[in-house]
C-alpha atoms as a PDB file:
ATOM      1  CA  MET A   1       0.112   0.346   0.028  1.00  0.00           C
ATOM      2  CA  ALA A   2       1.280   3.278  -0.830  1.00  0.00           C
ATOM      3  CA  ALA A   3       2.062   5.772   2.113  1.00  0.00           C
ATOM      4  CA  MET A   4      -0.185   8.535   2.577  1.00  0.00           C
ATOM      5  CA  ILE A   5       1.151  12.282   1.649  1.00  0.00           C
ATOM      6  CA  PHE A   6      -0.104  15.390   3.179  1.00  0.00           C
ATOM      7  CA  PRO A   7       1.359  18.921   2.268  1.00  0.00           C
ATOM      8  CA  ALA A   8       3.432  20.660   4.388  1.00  0.00           C
ATOM      9  CA  ALA A   9       1.986  23.807   4.529  1.00  0.00           C
ATOM     10  CA  PRO A  10      -1.918  23.440   3.946  1.00  0.00           C
ATOM     11  CA  ALA A  11      -4.737  26.497   3.697  1.00  0.00           C
ATOM     12  CA  ASP A  12      -7.718  25.704   5.955  1.00  0.00           C
ATOM     13  CA  GLY A  13     -10.310  23.814   3.709  1.00  0.00           C
ATOM     14  CA  ASP A  14      -7.636  22.130   1.254  1.00  0.00           C
ATOM     15  CA  THR A  15      -8.451  18.561   0.316  1.00  0.00           C
ATOM     16  CA  ILE A  16      -6.638  15.818  -0.457  1.00  0.00           C
ATOM     17  CA  LEU A  17      -7.449  12.286  -2.255  1.00  0.00           C
ATOM     18  CA  GLN A  18      -5.175   9.747  -0.661  1.00  0.00           C
ATOM     19  CA  PRO A  19      -3.780   6.974  -2.469  1.00  0.00           C
ATOM     20  CA  ASN A  20      -5.763   4.385  -0.417  1.00  0.00           C
ATOM     21  CA  GLY A  21      -9.086   6.293  -2.327  1.00  0.00           C
ATOM     22  CA  LYS A  22      -9.677   8.350   0.817  1.00  0.00           C
ATOM     23  CA  THR A  23     -10.607  11.910   1.045  1.00  0.00           C
ATOM     24  CA  TYR A  24      -8.995  14.321   3.930  1.00  0.00           C
ATOM     25  CA  ILE A  25      -9.940  17.696   4.577  1.00  0.00           C
ATOM     26  CA  TYR A  26      -7.504  20.313   6.610  1.00  0.00           C
ATOM     27  CA  ASN A  27      -8.865  21.733   9.676  1.00  0.00           C
ATOM     28  CA  ALA A  28      -6.723  24.634  10.799  1.00  0.00           C
ATOM     29  CA  ALA A  29      -8.442  25.402  13.821  1.00  0.00           C
ATOM     30  CA  LYS A  30      -7.172  22.104  15.400  1.00  0.00           C
ATOM     31  CA  ALA A  31      -4.126  21.888  12.797  1.00  0.00           C
ATOM     32  CA  ARG A  32      -5.209  18.178  11.571  1.00  0.00           C
ATOM     33  CA  TRP A  33      -6.455  16.089   8.689  1.00  0.00           C
ATOM     34  CA  GLU A  34      -9.311  15.170   9.322  1.00  0.00           C
ATOM     35  CA  PHE A  35     -11.070  11.760   7.250  1.00  0.00           C
ATOM     36  CA  VAL A  36     -13.923  12.579   4.791  1.00  0.00           C
ATOM     37  CA  PRO A  37     -16.535   9.909   4.277  1.00  0.00           C
ATOM     38  CA  ALA A  38     -16.155   9.334   0.428  1.00  0.00           C
ATOM     39  CA  ALA A  39     -20.160   9.812  -0.095  1.00  0.00           C
ATOM     40  CA  ILE A  40     -20.142  13.263   1.381  1.00  0.00           C
ATOM     41  CA  ALA A  41     -16.576  14.218  -0.321  1.00  0.00           C
ATOM     42  CA  ALA A  42     -18.227  13.864  -3.327  1.00  0.00           C
ATOM     43  CA  ASP A  43     -20.835  15.921  -2.853  1.00  0.00           C
ATOM     44  CA  VAL A  44     -19.952  18.586  -0.855  1.00  0.00           C
ATOM     45  CA  THR A  45     -18.059  21.643  -0.798  1.00  0.00           C
ATOM     46  CA  GLN A  46     -17.461  23.616   1.916  1.00  0.00           C
ATOM     47  CA  PHE A  47     -16.035  26.984   3.316  1.00  0.00           C
ATOM     48  CA  ILE A  48     -14.081  27.063   6.810  1.00  0.00           C
ATOM     49  CA  SER A  49     -13.694  30.800   8.123  1.00  0.00           C
ATOM     50  CA  PRO A  50     -10.228  31.449   9.722  1.00  0.00           C
ATOM     51  CA  PRO A  51     -10.157  32.037  13.850  1.00  0.00           C
ATOM     52  CA  THR A  52     -12.244  35.466  14.287  1.00  0.00           C
ATOM     53  CA  ALA A  53     -12.635  37.513  17.651  1.00  0.00           C
ATOM     54  CA  ILE A  54     -15.539  38.332  18.992  1.00  0.00           C
ATOM     55  CA  VAL A  55     -16.408  41.759  18.755  1.00  0.00           C
ATOM     56  CA  PRO A  56     -20.039  43.504  19.729  1.00  0.00           C
ATOM     57  CA  GLY A  57     -21.593  45.489  16.849  1.00  0.00           C
ATOM     58  CA  GLN A  58     -19.128  43.915  14.392  1.00  0.00           C
ATOM     59  CA  THR A  59     -19.758  42.627  10.801  1.00  0.00           C
ATOM     60  CA  THR A  60     -17.468  40.056   9.307  1.00  0.00           C
ATOM     61  CA  THR A  61     -17.399  39.218   5.609  1.00  0.00           C
ATOM     62  CA  PHE A  62     -16.033  36.333   4.133  1.00  0.00           C
ATOM     63  CA  ALA A  63     -15.360  35.281   0.470  1.00  0.00           C
ATOM     64  CA  HIS A  64     -16.696  31.909   0.697  1.00  0.00           C
ATOM     65  CA  GLY A  65     -15.720  30.918  -3.202  1.00  0.00           C
ATOM     66  CA  LEU A  66     -18.255  28.107  -3.265  1.00  0.00           C
ATOM     67  CA  GLY A  67     -19.964  29.432  -6.812  1.00  0.00           C
ATOM     68  CA  ALA A  68     -23.383  29.441  -5.619  1.00  0.00           C
ATOM     69  CA  ALA A  69     -25.182  30.266  -2.005  1.00  0.00           C
ATOM     70  CA  PRO A  70     -24.779  27.833   0.661  1.00  0.00           C
ATOM     71  CA  ASN A  71     -27.260  24.921   1.632  1.00  0.00           C
ATOM     72  CA  ASP A  72     -25.940  24.731   5.391  1.00  0.00           C
ATOM     73  CA  LEU A  73     -24.118  27.087   7.469  1.00  0.00           C
ATOM     74  CA  LYS A  74     -23.061  26.686  10.850  1.00  0.00           C
ATOM     75  CA  LEU A  75     -21.576  29.049  13.517  1.00  0.00           C
ATOM     76  CA  PHE A  76     -18.719  27.373  16.007  1.00  0.00           C
ATOM     77  CA  LEU A  77     -17.748  29.241  18.939  1.00  0.00           C
ATOM     78  CA  GLU A  78     -13.816  27.588  20.250  1.00  0.00           C
ATOM     79  CA  CYS A  79     -12.017  27.968  23.221  1.00  0.00           C
ATOM     80  CA  ILE A  80      -8.994  29.895  23.257  1.00  0.00           C
ATOM     81  CA  SER A  81      -8.397  30.346  27.057  1.00  0.00           C
ATOM     82  CA  THR A  82     -10.089  27.815  29.409  1.00  0.00           C
ATOM     83  CA  GLU A  83     -13.409  29.209  30.963  1.00  0.00           C
ATOM     84  CA  GLY A  84     -16.129  27.155  32.810  1.00  0.00           C
ATOM     85  CA  GLY A  85     -14.803  23.988  32.390  1.00  0.00           C
ATOM     86  CA  TRP A  86     -14.328  24.364  29.056  1.00  0.00           C
ATOM     87  CA  ALA A  87     -11.071  23.285  27.687  1.00  0.00           C
ATOM     88  CA  VAL A  88      -9.057  25.044  24.733  1.00  0.00           C
ATOM     89  CA  GLY A  89      -9.911  23.763  21.278  1.00  0.00           C
ATOM     90  CA  ASP A  90     -13.620  22.986  23.012  1.00  0.00           C
ATOM     91  CA  ARG A  91     -16.210  24.115  20.613  1.00  0.00           C
ATOM     92  CA  MET A  92     -20.224  24.849  20.799  1.00  0.00           C
ATOM     93  CA  ASP A  93     -22.244  24.947  18.043  1.00  0.00           C
ATOM     94  CA  PHE A  94     -24.061  28.632  17.947  1.00  0.00           C
ATOM     95  CA  SER A  95     -25.869  28.663  14.758  1.00  0.00           C
ATOM     96  CA  ALA A  96     -29.266  29.151  15.551  1.00  0.00           C
ATOM     97  CA  TYR A  97     -28.075  31.511  18.900  1.00  0.00           C
ATOM     98  CA  GLN A  98     -29.683  35.024  19.600  1.00  0.00           C
ATOM     99  CA  ARG A  99     -31.054  36.611  22.104  1.00  0.00           C
ATOM    100  CA  ASP A 100     -32.440  39.785  22.349  1.00  0.00           C
ATOM    101  CA  ASN A 101     -33.915  41.524  25.541  1.00  0.00           C
ATOM    102  CA  ASP A 102     -35.255  44.688  24.290  1.00  0.00           C
ATOM    103  CA  THR A 103     -36.520  45.755  28.005  1.00  0.00           C
ATOM    104  CA  ALA A 104     -32.531  45.575  28.992  1.00  0.00           C
ATOM    105  CA  ASN A 105     -31.545  47.238  25.499  1.00  0.00           C
ATOM    106  CA  GLN A 106     -29.131  43.491  25.567  1.00  0.00           C
ATOM    107  CA  ARG A 107     -28.113  42.257  22.448  1.00  0.00           C
ATOM    108  CA  PHE A 108     -26.332  38.808  22.429  1.00  0.00           C
ATOM    109  CA  GLY A 109     -25.178  36.578  20.111  1.00  0.00           C
ATOM    110  CA  ALA A 110     -24.738  36.563  16.573  1.00  0.00           C
ATOM    111  CA  VAL A 111     -26.619  35.644  13.272  1.00  0.00           C
ATOM    112  CA  VAL A 112     -24.498  34.038  10.470  1.00  0.00           C
ATOM    113  CA  ALA A 113     -25.833  34.598   6.690  1.00  0.00           C
ATOM    114  CA  SER A 114     -24.875  34.126   3.298  1.00  0.00           C
ATOM    115  CA  ASN A 115     -25.139  34.645  -0.366  1.00  0.00           C
ATOM    116  CA  THR A 116     -23.807  33.792  -3.857  1.00  0.00           C
ATOM    117  CA  THR A 117     -20.419  35.081  -2.533  1.00  0.00           C
ATOM    118  CA  ASP A 118     -20.113  35.644   1.124  1.00  0.00           C
ATOM    119  CA  VAL A 119     -20.782  34.309   4.558  1.00  0.00           C
ATOM    120  CA  ILE A 120     -21.985  37.107   6.844  1.00  0.00           C
ATOM    121  CA  ILE A 121     -21.487  37.123  10.620  1.00  0.00           C
ATOM    122  CA  THR A 122     -23.459  40.070  12.294  1.00  0.00           C
ATOM    123  CA  MET A 123     -22.983  40.215  16.026  1.00  0.00           C
ATOM    124  CA  GLY A 124     -25.331  41.616  18.890  1.00  0.00           C
ATOM    125  CA  ASN A 125     -23.936  45.222  19.798  1.00  0.00           C
ATOM    126  CA  LEU A 126     -24.503  44.313  23.428  1.00  0.00           C
ATOM    127  CA  ALA A 127     -21.300  45.792  24.980  1.00  0.00           C
ATOM    128  CA  GLY A 128     -19.417  44.739  28.623  1.00  0.00           C
ATOM    129  CA  GLY A 129     -17.160  41.865  27.334  1.00  0.00           C
ATOM    130  CA  PHE A 130     -19.690  38.966  26.717  1.00  0.00           C
ATOM    131  CA  SER A 131     -21.612  37.919  24.013  1.00  0.00           C
ATOM    132  CA  PHE A 132     -22.634  34.668  24.910  1.00  0.00           C
ATOM    133  CA  LEU A 133     -24.693  32.420  27.079  1.00  0.00           C
ATOM    134  CA  SER A 134     -24.015  29.094  27.737  1.00  0.00           C
ATOM    135  CA  TYR A 135     -23.365  26.457  30.371  1.00  0.00           C
ATOM    136  CA  GLU A 136     -20.285  25.266  32.459  1.00  0.00           C
ATOM    137  CA  LYS A 137     -19.331  22.566  30.884  1.00  0.00           C
ATOM    138  CA  ASN A 138     -19.548  19.785  34.232  1.00  0.00           C
ATOM    139  CA  THR A 139     -22.186  21.789  36.483  1.00  0.00           C
ATOM    140  CA  GLY A 140     -24.879  23.324  34.052  1.00  0.00           C
ATOM    141  CA  VAL A 141     -24.083  26.682  35.950  1.00  0.00           C
ATOM    142  CA  MET A 142     -25.036  29.510  33.516  1.00  0.00           C
ATOM    143  CA  LEU A 143     -21.693  30.953  32.207  1.00  0.00           C
ATOM    144  CA  PHE A 144     -21.761  34.137  30.519  1.00  0.00           C
ATOM    145  CA  MET A 145     -18.875  33.764  27.827  1.00  0.00           C
ATOM    146  CA  ASP A 146     -16.207  35.945  27.879  1.00  0.00           C
ATOM    147  CA  ASN A 147     -15.195  37.553  24.378  1.00  0.00           C
ATOM    148  CA  THR A 148     -11.891  37.556  24.779  1.00  0.00           C
ATOM    149  CA  LYS A 149     -11.712  33.166  25.443  1.00  0.00           C
ATOM    150  CA  TRP A 150     -13.595  32.465  22.818  1.00  0.00           C
ATOM    151  CA  GLN A 151     -13.304  32.744  18.733  1.00  0.00           C
ATOM    152  CA  MET A 152     -15.748  32.412  16.265  1.00  0.00           C
ATOM    153  CA  ILE A 153     -15.426  29.785  13.245  1.00  0.00           C
ATOM    154  CA  ALA A 154     -18.107  29.888  10.513  1.00  0.00           C
ATOM    155  CA  ILE A 155     -18.509  27.001   8.082  1.00  0.00           C
ATOM    156  CA  ALA A 156     -20.518  27.133   4.717  1.00  0.00           C
ATOM    157  CA  ARG A 157     -21.367  23.562   2.578  1.00  0.00           C
ATOM    158  CA  LEU A 158     -23.042  23.234  -0.585  1.00  0.00           C
ATOM    159  CA  PHE A 159     -24.622  19.802  -1.375  1.00  0.00           C
ATOM    160  CA  ALA A 160     -24.524  18.832  -4.941  1.00  0.00           C
END
């Protein structure tokens, strides 16, 4: 069997077909190649954004290069400094997370959107150091997530 060969300096989202017939995609956030089942590899093109700082009130736009509007969008928060029992590298799916409490003028969370050319992340405008609420990993106690301890990663997928 031929040895698997991986490029020395891959870019996030790069894919490679190995001599054994398996496809791998590079996940820069985890600095590793990950196996992609053949059925998925043949039918899915994806864009993974670079890790992005959480800044209240900010809109960040990435050109996805998929050639059409994606069928699926995800927004993950990835831990970059331990908090609430969460370890560096842990990810939470915040794809559908928004919270607006007009009586206190508190706008938490983010919206991830797309069109035929871009993925757009729009943050709520709450100031004060946290934009997302979750739970501590081991206790279930509410966690006001410190913006400096997490980063956002958007994933857009286009299914054939």
